């Protein structure tokens, strides 16, 4: 499964582990609702996830632990949350030169 409209750091990328931990804190062993948006080319469900009423997609962006994925984003509120996280230097935005995951994946 992929969270719709956002892209989190890769495991070996700075903040990758912290991003996964954060998502676990939000959703592990909690009632989750998934609003399916798409199925990607790898046959993974792409959706908006709510864990006990908390929008996990938005929470990850608010915490500075995921980027808004411009290519797929439709929720304008996510950009506001990302701007706030960047201004506050939260999560990956505390890095001097954060690299988006889609750029990280293209590195040799």
N, C-alpha and C. Protein backbone atom coordinates (compact mmCIF):
# COMPACT_ATOMS: atom_id res chain seq x y z
N UNK A 1 0.84 -1.19 0.00
CA UNK A 1 0.00 0.00 0.00
C UNK A 1 0.88 1.25 0.00
N UNK A 2 0.41 2.26 -0.67
CA UNK A 2 1.08 3.58 -0.69
C UNK A 2 0.09 4.62 -0.20
N UNK A 3 0.62 5.60 0.51
CA UNK A 3 -0.22 6.72 0.93
C UNK A 3 -0.34 7.70 -0.23
N UNK A 4 -1.56 8.02 -0.59
CA UNK A 4 -1.82 8.89 -1.73
C UNK A 4 -1.33 10.31 -1.49
N UNK A 5 -0.85 10.93 -2.56
CA UNK A 5 -0.50 12.34 -2.62
C UNK A 5 0.76 12.74 -1.86
N UNK A 6 1.39 11.79 -1.18
CA UNK A 6 2.62 12.10 -0.45
C UNK A 6 3.69 11.09 -0.80
N UNK A 7 4.94 11.44 -0.52
CA UNK A 7 6.07 10.53 -0.74
C UNK A 7 7.00 10.67 0.45
N UNK A 8 7.26 9.56 1.11
CA UNK A 8 8.09 9.55 2.31
C UNK A 8 9.53 9.22 1.96
N UNK A 9 10.47 9.62 2.81
CA UNK A 9 11.87 9.28 2.57
C UNK A 9 12.07 7.76 2.50
N UNK A 10 13.00 7.35 1.68
CA UNK A 10 13.35 5.93 1.57
C UNK A 10 14.04 5.47 2.84
N UNK A 11 14.06 4.17 3.08
CA UNK A 11 14.63 3.62 4.32
C UNK A 11 16.04 4.12 4.60
N UNK A 12 16.88 4.14 3.60
CA UNK A 12 18.28 4.54 3.82
C UNK A 12 18.52 6.03 3.63
N UNK A 13 17.47 6.74 3.35
CA UNK A 13 17.54 8.19 3.18
C UNK A 13 17.41 8.85 4.56
N UNK A 14 18.02 10.02 4.76
CA UNK A 14 17.80 10.71 6.03
C UNK A 14 16.30 10.84 6.32
N UNK A 15 15.92 10.57 7.53
CA UNK A 15 14.55 10.62 8.04
C UNK A 15 13.67 9.47 7.56
N UNK A 16 14.23 8.53 6.81
CA UNK A 16 13.46 7.38 6.37
C UNK A 16 12.97 6.53 7.54
N UNK A 17 13.86 6.23 8.46
CA UNK A 17 13.48 5.42 9.62
C UNK A 17 12.49 6.18 10.49
N UNK A 18 12.76 7.45 10.72
CA UNK A 18 11.86 8.26 11.56
C UNK A 18 10.47 8.36 10.93
N UNK A 19 10.40 8.46 9.63
CA UNK A 19 9.11 8.54 8.95
C UNK A 19 8.31 7.26 9.16
N UNK A 20 8.97 6.11 9.04
CA UNK A 20 8.30 4.83 9.26
C UNK A 20 7.84 4.70 10.71
N UNK A 21 8.67 5.15 11.65
CA UNK A 21 8.30 5.10 13.06
C UNK A 21 7.07 5.97 13.32
N UNK A 22 7.05 7.12 12.71
CA UNK A 22 5.94 8.04 12.88
C UNK A 22 4.64 7.43 12.37
N UNK A 23 4.69 6.82 11.22
CA UNK A 23 3.49 6.18 10.67
C UNK A 23 3.04 5.05 11.58
N UNK A 24 4.01 4.31 12.14
CA UNK A 24 3.66 3.27 13.10
C UNK A 24 2.97 3.83 14.33
N UNK A 25 3.47 4.95 14.83
CA UNK A 25 2.85 5.60 15.99
C UNK A 25 1.42 6.02 15.68
N UNK A 26 1.20 6.46 14.46
CA UNK A 26 -0.13 6.91 14.06
C UNK A 26 -1.11 5.76 13.88
N UNK A 27 -0.63 4.62 13.37
CA UNK A 27 -1.56 3.60 12.90
C UNK A 27 -1.41 2.19 13.47
N UNK A 28 -0.27 1.87 14.06
CA UNK A 28 -0.06 0.49 14.51
C UNK A 28 -1.12 0.06 15.51
N UNK A 29 -1.76 -1.08 15.22
CA UNK A 29 -2.79 -1.67 16.06
C UNK A 29 -3.96 -0.73 16.34
N UNK A 30 -4.22 0.17 15.40
CA UNK A 30 -5.36 1.07 15.52
C UNK A 30 -6.31 0.80 14.36
N UNK A 31 -7.55 1.13 14.57
CA UNK A 31 -8.53 0.97 13.51
C UNK A 31 -8.20 1.94 12.38
N UNK A 32 -8.05 1.39 11.20
CA UNK A 32 -7.69 2.22 10.03
C UNK A 32 -8.77 2.13 8.97
N UNK A 33 -9.02 3.25 8.35
CA UNK A 33 -9.92 3.31 7.20
C UNK A 33 -9.09 3.78 6.01
N UNK A 34 -9.25 3.10 4.90
CA UNK A 34 -8.52 3.45 3.69
C UNK A 34 -9.52 3.85 2.61
N UNK A 35 -9.34 5.05 2.09
CA UNK A 35 -10.13 5.49 0.93
C UNK A 35 -9.24 5.27 -0.29
N UNK A 36 -9.56 4.22 -1.04
CA UNK A 36 -8.74 3.85 -2.19
C UNK A 36 -8.88 4.92 -3.28
N UNK A 37 -7.72 5.38 -3.75
CA UNK A 37 -7.66 6.40 -4.79
C UNK A 37 -7.27 5.76 -6.12
N UNK A 38 -6.40 4.75 -6.05
CA UNK A 38 -5.85 4.15 -7.27
C UNK A 38 -5.19 2.83 -6.91
N UNK A 39 -4.76 2.12 -7.94
CA UNK A 39 -3.87 0.97 -7.81
C UNK A 39 -2.70 1.28 -8.74
N UNK A 40 -1.47 1.25 -8.19
CA UNK A 40 -0.32 1.65 -9.00
C UNK A 40 0.17 0.52 -9.92
N UNK A 41 1.19 0.81 -10.69
CA UNK A 41 1.68 -0.16 -11.66
C UNK A 41 2.26 -1.41 -11.03
N UNK A 42 2.56 -1.35 -9.73
CA UNK A 42 3.05 -2.52 -9.00
C UNK A 42 1.91 -3.25 -8.29
N UNK A 43 0.68 -2.85 -8.60
CA UNK A 43 -0.54 -3.45 -8.05
C UNK A 43 -0.74 -3.14 -6.57
N UNK A 44 -0.14 -2.05 -6.09
CA UNK A 44 -0.34 -1.62 -4.71
C UNK A 44 -1.53 -0.68 -4.65
N UNK A 45 -2.31 -0.81 -3.60
CA UNK A 45 -3.39 0.13 -3.36
C UNK A 45 -2.78 1.47 -2.98
N UNK A 46 -3.31 2.53 -3.55
CA UNK A 46 -2.89 3.90 -3.22
C UNK A 46 -4.11 4.55 -2.57
N UNK A 47 -3.94 5.05 -1.35
CA UNK A 47 -5.11 5.59 -0.68
C UNK A 47 -4.82 6.63 0.37
N UNK A 48 -5.89 7.26 0.81
CA UNK A 48 -5.86 8.16 1.96
C UNK A 48 -6.20 7.31 3.15
N UNK A 49 -5.39 7.38 4.19
CA UNK A 49 -5.54 6.52 5.36
C UNK A 49 -5.89 7.36 6.58
N UNK A 50 -6.88 6.90 7.29
CA UNK A 50 -7.28 7.54 8.54
C UNK A 50 -7.18 6.48 9.63
N UNK A 51 -6.41 6.79 10.68
CA UNK A 51 -6.24 5.87 11.80
C UNK A 51 -6.88 6.48 13.03
N UNK A 52 -7.95 5.84 13.47
CA UNK A 52 -8.74 6.36 14.60
C UNK A 52 -9.07 7.84 14.41
N UNK A 53 -9.47 8.18 13.20
CA UNK A 53 -9.91 9.54 12.90
C UNK A 53 -8.81 10.51 12.52
N UNK A 54 -7.55 10.10 12.57
CA UNK A 54 -6.43 10.98 12.22
C UNK A 54 -6.00 10.70 10.78
N UNK A 55 -5.98 11.72 9.97
CA UNK A 55 -5.54 11.60 8.57
C UNK A 55 -4.02 11.38 8.57
N UNK A 56 -3.62 10.13 8.33
CA UNK A 56 -2.20 9.77 8.41
C UNK A 56 -1.39 10.46 7.31
N UNK A 57 -1.96 10.62 6.13
CA UNK A 57 -1.25 11.28 5.04
C UNK A 57 -0.89 12.71 5.45
N UNK A 58 -1.88 13.44 5.93
CA UNK A 58 -1.66 14.83 6.34
C UNK A 58 -0.73 14.91 7.55
N UNK A 59 -0.89 13.99 8.49
CA UNK A 59 -0.06 14.01 9.69
C UNK A 59 1.41 13.83 9.35
N UNK A 60 1.71 12.96 8.41
CA UNK A 60 3.11 12.75 8.02
C UNK A 60 3.70 14.02 7.42
N UNK A 61 2.92 14.70 6.61
CA UNK A 61 3.40 15.96 6.01
C UNK A 61 3.54 17.03 7.11
N UNK A 62 2.55 17.12 8.00
CA UNK A 62 2.58 18.10 9.10
C UNK A 62 3.81 17.90 9.98
N UNK A 63 4.18 16.65 10.21
CA UNK A 63 5.33 16.34 11.05
C UNK A 63 6.66 16.52 10.32
N UNK A 64 6.59 16.83 9.03
CA UNK A 64 7.82 16.99 8.26
C UNK A 64 8.47 15.66 7.94
N UNK A 65 7.66 14.62 7.82
CA UNK A 65 8.20 13.29 7.58
C UNK A 65 7.74 12.70 6.25
N UNK A 66 7.20 13.56 5.40
CA UNK A 66 6.86 13.19 4.02
C UNK A 66 6.72 14.46 3.21
N UNK A 67 6.97 14.35 1.93
CA UNK A 67 6.78 15.45 0.99
C UNK A 67 5.41 15.32 0.36
N UNK A 68 4.85 16.45 -0.04
CA UNK A 68 3.69 16.41 -0.92
C UNK A 68 4.24 15.96 -2.28
N UNK A 69 3.60 14.97 -2.86
CA UNK A 69 4.05 14.41 -4.15
C UNK A 69 3.35 15.18 -5.25
N UNK A 70 4.02 16.24 -5.72
CA UNK A 70 3.43 17.17 -6.68
C UNK A 70 2.76 16.47 -7.86
N UNK A 71 3.38 15.42 -8.31
CA UNK A 71 2.88 14.71 -9.49
C UNK A 71 1.47 14.16 -9.29
N UNK A 72 1.12 13.85 -8.03
CA UNK A 72 -0.17 13.21 -7.75
C UNK A 72 -1.06 13.99 -6.80
N UNK A 73 -0.57 15.06 -6.23
CA UNK A 73 -1.31 15.78 -5.20
C UNK A 73 -2.52 16.51 -5.76
N UNK A 74 -3.63 16.36 -5.03
CA UNK A 74 -4.87 17.07 -5.37
C UNK A 74 -5.37 17.89 -4.18
N UNK A 75 -4.97 17.50 -2.99
CA UNK A 75 -5.42 18.16 -1.77
C UNK A 75 -4.53 19.37 -1.49
N UNK A 76 -5.05 20.56 -1.76
CA UNK A 76 -4.28 21.79 -1.57
C UNK A 76 -3.85 22.00 -0.12
N UNK A 77 -4.61 21.46 0.83
CA UNK A 77 -4.27 21.60 2.24
C UNK A 77 -2.92 20.98 2.56
N UNK A 78 -2.54 19.94 1.84
CA UNK A 78 -1.25 19.30 2.08
C UNK A 78 -0.10 20.28 1.84
N UNK A 79 -0.24 21.15 0.86
CA UNK A 79 0.81 22.14 0.59
C UNK A 79 0.94 23.12 1.74
N UNK A 80 -0.18 23.52 2.33
CA UNK A 80 -0.15 24.42 3.49
C UNK A 80 0.57 23.74 4.65
N UNK A 81 0.25 22.47 4.89
CA UNK A 81 0.91 21.72 5.97
C UNK A 81 2.41 21.59 5.71
N UNK A 82 2.78 21.35 4.47
CA UNK A 82 4.20 21.23 4.12
C UNK A 82 4.91 22.56 4.33
N UNK A 83 4.28 23.65 3.92
CA UNK A 83 4.89 24.98 4.12
C UNK A 83 5.09 25.27 5.60
N UNK A 84 4.10 24.89 6.43
CA UNK A 84 4.23 25.10 7.87
C UNK A 84 5.37 24.26 8.46
N UNK A 85 5.46 23.01 8.03
CA UNK A 85 6.52 22.13 8.52
C UNK A 85 7.89 22.67 8.11
N UNK A 86 7.99 23.14 6.87
CA UNK A 86 9.26 23.69 6.37
C UNK A 86 9.63 24.93 7.17
N UNK A 87 8.68 25.83 7.37
CA UNK A 87 8.95 27.08 8.12
C UNK A 87 9.37 26.80 9.55
N UNK A 88 8.79 25.76 10.15
CA UNK A 88 9.11 25.41 11.54
C UNK A 88 10.35 24.53 11.64
N UNK A 89 10.88 24.08 10.50
CA UNK A 89 12.05 23.21 10.52
C UNK A 89 11.79 21.84 11.12
N UNK A 90 10.56 21.34 10.94
CA UNK A 90 10.21 20.04 11.48
C UNK A 90 10.71 18.91 10.59
N UNK A 91 11.12 17.82 11.23
CA UNK A 91 11.50 16.61 10.51
C UNK A 91 12.55 16.85 9.45
N UNK A 92 12.28 16.36 8.26
CA UNK A 92 13.25 16.46 7.17
C UNK A 92 13.59 17.89 6.82
N UNK A 93 12.73 18.81 7.18
CA UNK A 93 13.01 20.22 6.89
C UNK A 93 14.06 20.80 7.83
N UNK A 94 14.49 20.04 8.82
CA UNK A 94 15.60 20.49 9.67
C UNK A 94 16.94 20.23 8.98
N UNK A 95 16.91 19.40 7.95
CA UNK A 95 18.12 19.10 7.17
C UNK A 95 18.48 20.34 6.35
N UNK A 96 19.77 20.62 6.23
CA UNK A 96 20.21 21.79 5.48
C UNK A 96 19.81 21.71 4.01
N UNK A 97 19.83 20.51 3.46
CA UNK A 97 19.53 20.35 2.03
C UNK A 97 18.74 19.05 1.81
N UNK A 98 17.44 19.05 2.21
CA UNK A 98 16.66 17.82 2.06
C UNK A 98 16.48 17.43 0.59
N UNK A 99 16.51 16.14 0.34
CA UNK A 99 16.37 15.60 -1.01
C UNK A 99 15.05 14.85 -1.08
N UNK A 100 14.21 15.20 -2.03
CA UNK A 100 12.93 14.53 -2.20
C UNK A 100 13.15 13.07 -2.57
N UNK A 101 12.29 12.17 -2.12
CA UNK A 101 12.47 10.75 -2.39
C UNK A 101 12.53 10.40 -3.87
N UNK A 102 11.74 11.10 -4.69
CA UNK A 102 11.75 10.80 -6.13
C UNK A 102 13.09 11.18 -6.76
N UNK A 103 13.79 12.14 -6.16
CA UNK A 103 15.14 12.47 -6.62
C UNK A 103 16.15 11.48 -6.06
N UNK A 104 15.98 11.08 -4.80
CA UNK A 104 16.85 10.11 -4.14
C UNK A 104 16.87 8.79 -4.93
N UNK A 105 15.71 8.35 -5.37
CA UNK A 105 15.61 7.08 -6.09
C UNK A 105 16.33 7.11 -7.44
N UNK A 106 16.53 8.28 -7.99
CA UNK A 106 17.23 8.41 -9.27
C UNK A 106 18.74 8.47 -9.13
N UNK A 107 19.21 8.56 -7.90
CA UNK A 107 20.68 8.62 -7.69
C UNK A 107 21.32 7.31 -8.09
N UNK A 108 22.55 7.40 -8.60
CA UNK A 108 23.24 6.16 -9.01
C UNK A 108 23.62 5.29 -7.83
